[in-house]
Protein backbone atom coordinates (compact mmCIF):
# COMPACT_ATOMS: atom_id res chain seq x y z
CA MET A 1 10.24 -10.30 4.65
CA LYS A 2 12.46 -7.26 4.84
CA ILE A 3 12.92 -4.15 6.95
CA LEU A 4 13.02 -0.81 5.10
CA LEU A 5 15.75 1.59 6.23
CA VAL A 6 15.18 5.23 5.28
CA PHE A 7 18.12 7.63 5.64
CA ASP A 8 18.28 11.38 5.50
CA PHE A 9 21.63 12.58 4.10
CA ASP A 10 22.93 15.91 5.46
CA ASN A 11 23.72 15.74 9.21
CA THR A 12 22.66 12.07 9.19
CA VAL A 13 24.86 10.14 6.76
CA LEU A 14 27.28 13.07 6.59
CA ASP A 15 28.27 14.98 9.70
CA ASP A 16 27.67 18.29 7.94
CA ASN A 17 25.34 20.01 5.49
CA SER A 18 26.56 19.76 1.90
CA ASP A 19 24.59 22.86 0.81
CA THR A 20 26.20 25.10 3.42
CA ARG A 21 29.64 23.47 3.11
CA ILE A 22 29.78 24.26 -0.63
CA VAL A 23 30.08 27.97 0.29
CA GLN A 24 33.75 27.20 1.03
CA CYS A 25 34.21 27.29 -2.76
CA ALA A 26 33.14 30.95 -2.89
CA PRO A 27 35.64 33.83 -2.92
CA GLU A 28 36.72 34.41 0.70
CA LYS A 29 34.49 31.40 1.57
CA LYS A 30 31.38 33.52 1.92
CA LEU A 31 28.39 34.68 -0.10
CA PRO A 32 27.53 38.34 -0.78
CA ILE A 33 25.03 39.75 1.73
CA GLU A 34 22.35 40.34 -0.91
CA LEU A 35 22.57 36.68 -1.98
CA GLN A 36 22.40 35.50 1.65
CA ASP A 37 19.37 37.76 2.22
CA SER A 38 17.55 36.41 -0.86
CA TYR A 39 16.53 33.19 0.93
CA GLN A 40 12.81 32.81 1.60
CA LYS A 41 11.49 30.18 4.02
CA GLY A 42 10.32 27.07 2.17
CA PHE A 43 12.27 27.96 -0.99
CA TRP A 44 15.72 26.55 -0.16
CA THR A 45 16.18 24.81 -3.53
CA GLU A 46 15.61 28.05 -5.44
CA PHE A 47 18.11 29.74 -3.11
CA MET A 48 20.70 27.02 -3.78
CA GLY A 49 20.13 27.47 -7.51
CA ARG A 50 21.20 31.11 -7.09
CA VAL A 51 24.20 30.06 -4.97
CA PHE A 52 25.36 27.60 -7.65
CA ARG A 53 24.91 30.23 -10.35
CA TYR A 54 27.00 32.68 -8.31
CA LEU A 55 29.75 30.09 -7.80
CA GLY A 56 29.77 29.33 -11.52
CA ASP A 57 30.00 33.02 -12.37
CA LYS A 58 32.98 33.29 -10.02
CA GLY A 59 34.79 30.55 -11.93
CA VAL A 60 34.18 27.71 -9.47
CA ARG A 61 34.29 24.45 -11.44
CA GLU A 62 32.95 20.95 -10.97
CA ASP A 63 36.27 19.60 -9.64
CA ASP A 64 36.47 22.36 -7.00
CA MET A 65 32.96 21.56 -5.78
CA LYS A 66 33.56 17.82 -5.83
CA ARG A 67 36.69 18.19 -3.71
CA VAL A 68 34.78 20.14 -1.03
CA VAL A 69 31.76 17.82 -0.99
CA THR A 70 33.72 14.56 -0.87
CA SER A 71 35.96 15.86 1.94
CA MET A 72 33.01 16.10 4.35
CA PRO A 73 33.22 13.55 7.19
CA PHE A 74 30.68 10.82 7.73
CA THR A 75 28.72 10.99 11.00
CA PRO A 76 30.36 8.91 13.78
CA GLY A 77 29.64 5.20 13.33
CA MET A 78 27.97 5.73 9.95
CA VAL A 79 30.64 3.89 7.93
CA GLU A 80 30.24 0.90 10.27
CA LEU A 81 26.46 1.10 9.95
CA LEU A 82 26.50 1.17 6.15
CA ASN A 83 28.93 -1.77 6.09
CA PHE A 84 26.59 -3.66 8.45
CA VAL A 85 23.66 -2.96 6.11
CA ARG A 86 25.71 -4.15 3.13
CA LYS A 87 26.52 -7.43 4.92
CA ASN A 88 22.83 -7.98 5.64
CA ARG A 89 21.33 -6.94 2.30
CA ASP A 90 19.02 -9.94 2.37
CA ARG A 91 17.31 -8.46 5.46
CA PHE A 92 17.13 -4.78 4.50
CA ASP A 93 16.06 -2.50 1.69
CA CYS A 94 17.70 0.88 2.02
CA ILE A 95 16.80 4.28 0.55
CA ILE A 96 17.84 7.92 0.94
CA ILE A 97 15.26 10.73 1.00
CA SER A 98 17.12 14.04 1.07
CA ASP A 99 16.68 17.73 0.40
CA SER A 100 20.26 17.87 -0.91
CA ASN A 101 20.76 17.13 -4.62
CA SER A 102 21.57 14.17 -6.84
CA VAL A 103 25.07 15.37 -7.82
CA PHE A 104 26.33 15.84 -4.25
CA ILE A 105 24.91 12.53 -3.00
CA ASP A 106 26.26 10.68 -6.02
CA TRP A 107 29.75 12.12 -5.44
CA VAL A 108 29.79 11.15 -1.77
CA LEU A 109 28.46 7.60 -2.24
CA LYS A 110 30.83 6.88 -5.14
CA ALA A 111 33.89 8.34 -3.39
CA ALA A 112 33.22 6.23 -0.28
CA ASN A 113 32.13 3.18 -2.31
CA PHE A 114 28.66 3.01 -0.72
CA HIS A 115 26.57 3.19 -3.89
CA ASP A 116 25.54 -0.45 -3.68
CA VAL A 117 24.14 -0.07 -0.15
CA PHE A 118 21.18 2.03 -1.33
CA ASP A 119 18.36 0.75 -3.55
CA LYS A 120 17.12 4.24 -4.41
CA VAL A 121 17.96 7.88 -3.77
CA PHE A 122 15.13 10.43 -3.77
CA THR A 123 16.43 13.99 -3.92
CA ASN A 124 16.37 17.20 -5.96
CA PRO A 125 17.72 16.48 -9.47
CA ALA A 126 20.90 18.38 -10.32
CA ALA A 127 23.24 18.57 -13.33
CA PHE A 128 25.97 20.73 -14.79
CA ASP A 129 24.83 22.85 -17.73
CA HIS A 130 26.81 23.74 -20.88
CA ASN A 131 28.44 26.66 -19.01
CA GLY A 132 29.70 24.31 -16.31
CA HIS A 133 27.22 25.72 -13.78
CA LEU A 134 25.46 23.35 -11.40
CA THR A 135 21.68 23.60 -11.74
CA VAL A 136 19.13 22.10 -9.35
CA GLU A 137 15.38 21.51 -9.69
CA ASN A 138 12.60 20.80 -7.20
CA TYR A 139 12.10 17.07 -6.61
CA HIS A 140 8.31 17.28 -7.06
CA THR A 141 5.22 19.35 -6.30
CA HIS A 142 2.95 18.39 -3.40
CA SER A 143 0.16 19.81 -1.28
CA CYS A 144 1.60 19.20 2.21
CA THR A 145 1.51 22.42 4.21
CA ARG A 146 4.11 21.17 6.67
CA CYS A 147 6.98 20.78 4.21
CA PRO A 148 9.11 23.00 1.93
CA LYS A 149 7.55 23.40 -1.48
CA ASN A 150 10.12 21.27 -3.32
CA LEU A 151 9.95 18.10 -1.21
CA CYS A 152 7.59 16.33 1.17
CA LYS A 153 9.49 13.30 2.43
CA LYS A 154 6.27 11.67 3.66
CA VAL A 155 4.78 11.74 0.14
CA VAL A 156 7.98 10.12 -1.20
CA LEU A 157 7.97 7.44 1.51
CA VAL A 158 4.28 6.62 1.06
CA GLU A 159 4.69 6.35 -2.73
CA PHE A 160 7.76 4.12 -2.39
CA VAL A 161 6.12 1.75 0.12
CA ASP A 162 2.98 1.57 -2.06
CA SER A 163 4.95 0.85 -5.24
CA GLN A 164 6.92 -1.88 -3.44
CA LEU A 165 3.66 -3.39 -2.21
CA GLN A 166 2.43 -3.56 -5.81
CA GLN A 167 5.62 -5.49 -6.65
CA GLY A 168 4.85 -7.93 -3.82
CA VAL A 169 7.33 -6.46 -1.30
CA ASN A 170 5.71 -5.93 2.10
CA TYR A 171 8.00 -4.51 4.78
CA THR A 172 7.75 -5.92 8.29
CA GLN A 173 9.05 -2.61 9.66
CA VAL A 174 10.23 0.81 8.57
CA VAL A 175 13.21 2.35 10.39
CA TYR A 176 13.58 6.08 9.67
CA ILE A 177 17.00 7.62 10.44
CA GLY A 178 17.14 11.41 10.36
CA ASP A 179 17.91 14.65 12.11
CA GLY A 180 16.06 17.62 10.66
CA GLY A 181 12.76 19.45 10.85
CA ASN A 182 11.75 18.09 7.44
CA ASP A 183 12.14 14.53 8.80
CA PHE A 184 9.18 15.02 11.13
CA CYS A 185 6.54 14.72 8.40
CA PRO A 186 7.63 11.23 7.18
CA VAL A 187 7.90 10.08 10.82
CA THR A 188 4.14 10.76 11.19
CA PHE A 189 3.59 8.06 8.52
CA LEU A 190 5.29 5.40 10.66
CA LYS A 191 3.14 2.81 12.41
CA LYS A 192 3.33 1.21 15.85
CA ASN A 193 5.83 -1.45 14.82
CA ASP A 194 8.16 1.07 13.12
CA VAL A 195 11.06 3.03 14.59
CA ALA A 196 11.94 6.72 14.27
CA MET A 197 15.65 7.18 14.94
CA ALA A 198 16.34 10.83 15.73
CA ARG A 199 19.87 12.19 15.99
CA LYS A 200 20.59 13.48 19.48
CA GLY A 201 20.56 17.27 19.86
CA TYR A 202 19.11 17.98 16.39
CA THR A 203 15.74 19.43 15.34
CA LEU A 204 13.90 16.12 14.81
CA GLN A 205 14.73 14.91 18.33
CA LYS A 206 13.71 18.24 19.85
CA THR A 207 10.42 18.24 17.92
CA LEU A 208 9.61 14.65 18.91
CA SER A 209 10.49 15.28 22.57
CA ARG A 210 7.87 18.05 22.64
CA MET A 211 5.14 15.73 21.35
CA PRO A 212 2.74 14.26 23.92
CA GLN A 213 3.64 10.56 23.60
CA THR A 214 0.11 9.34 24.26
CA HIS A 215 -1.92 11.17 21.63
CA GLY A 216 0.57 12.91 19.35
CA PRO A 217 0.68 12.20 15.60
CA VAL A 218 3.64 9.80 16.05
CA GLU A 219 2.70 6.14 16.55
CA SER A 220 6.15 4.59 16.16
CA SER A 221 8.72 4.10 18.88
CA VAL A 222 11.37 6.83 18.99
CA LEU A 223 15.05 6.09 19.60
CA VAL A 224 17.70 8.77 19.96
CA TRP A 225 21.17 8.11 18.52
CA SER A 226 24.56 9.83 18.50
CA SER A 227 26.50 7.19 16.59
CA GLY A 228 25.71 4.74 13.82
CA VAL A 229 27.04 2.02 16.12
CA GLU A 230 23.98 2.50 18.37
CA ILE A 231 21.77 2.04 15.30
CA ILE A 232 23.61 -1.22 14.46
CA SER A 233 22.80 -2.55 17.96
CA HIS A 234 19.11 -1.90 17.44
CA LEU A 235 19.09 -3.41 13.92
CA GLN A 236 20.85 -6.52 15.26
CA PHE A 237 18.07 -6.80 17.83
CA LEU A 238 15.42 -6.44 15.09
CA ILE A 239 16.93 -9.14 12.87
CA LYS A 240 18.02 -11.23 15.89
CA VAL A 241 21.69 -11.38 14.89
């Protein structure tokens, strides 16, 4: 019997947003106004595709991007938390569901030697093309009206839990660790026994604090965290360490 840990990536595992940090690779560390203005709500992945194309056209190479992405700091206490999870792999399954991209997450986990902590990473697929430009695609299509068109984290979570159930893995609890507005939808999937861990001062916490606790769409308990060390304390309580 295991507990499933679900992590967001940007502003949760990392103390920054990899998509906005990559702009440091651009000439003068900023994007042209017309490119900035081309963003449409709900179409972030398409916008990032244009950003990556612009960077490639300006001669920014894979190594330059990798240096910027892997220099981003982990959120306070996150290294300790991931080491705790690694030490207790028999008690936890651990996945990432992120609106970042596969290349950035891969770079960060490999550079910090945390690849083995996560069973699966669900994110927008990315790759470098023959011109050396980074390309990114939508993770999937879905019909959820609450989420950006490229990714509904709830759909991903439901599908993962269902597929694990078919393999005979039934989780005693799901602990969801996130920060952003797009983490609200998967939190509505959580049941009474589960835990939504919302980063203090970020959109998810603010959204959840506005919900009427008695008859809102969130059944799980909600815990607010500032450091991964606080999350460790709660996980120790759950597994009675």
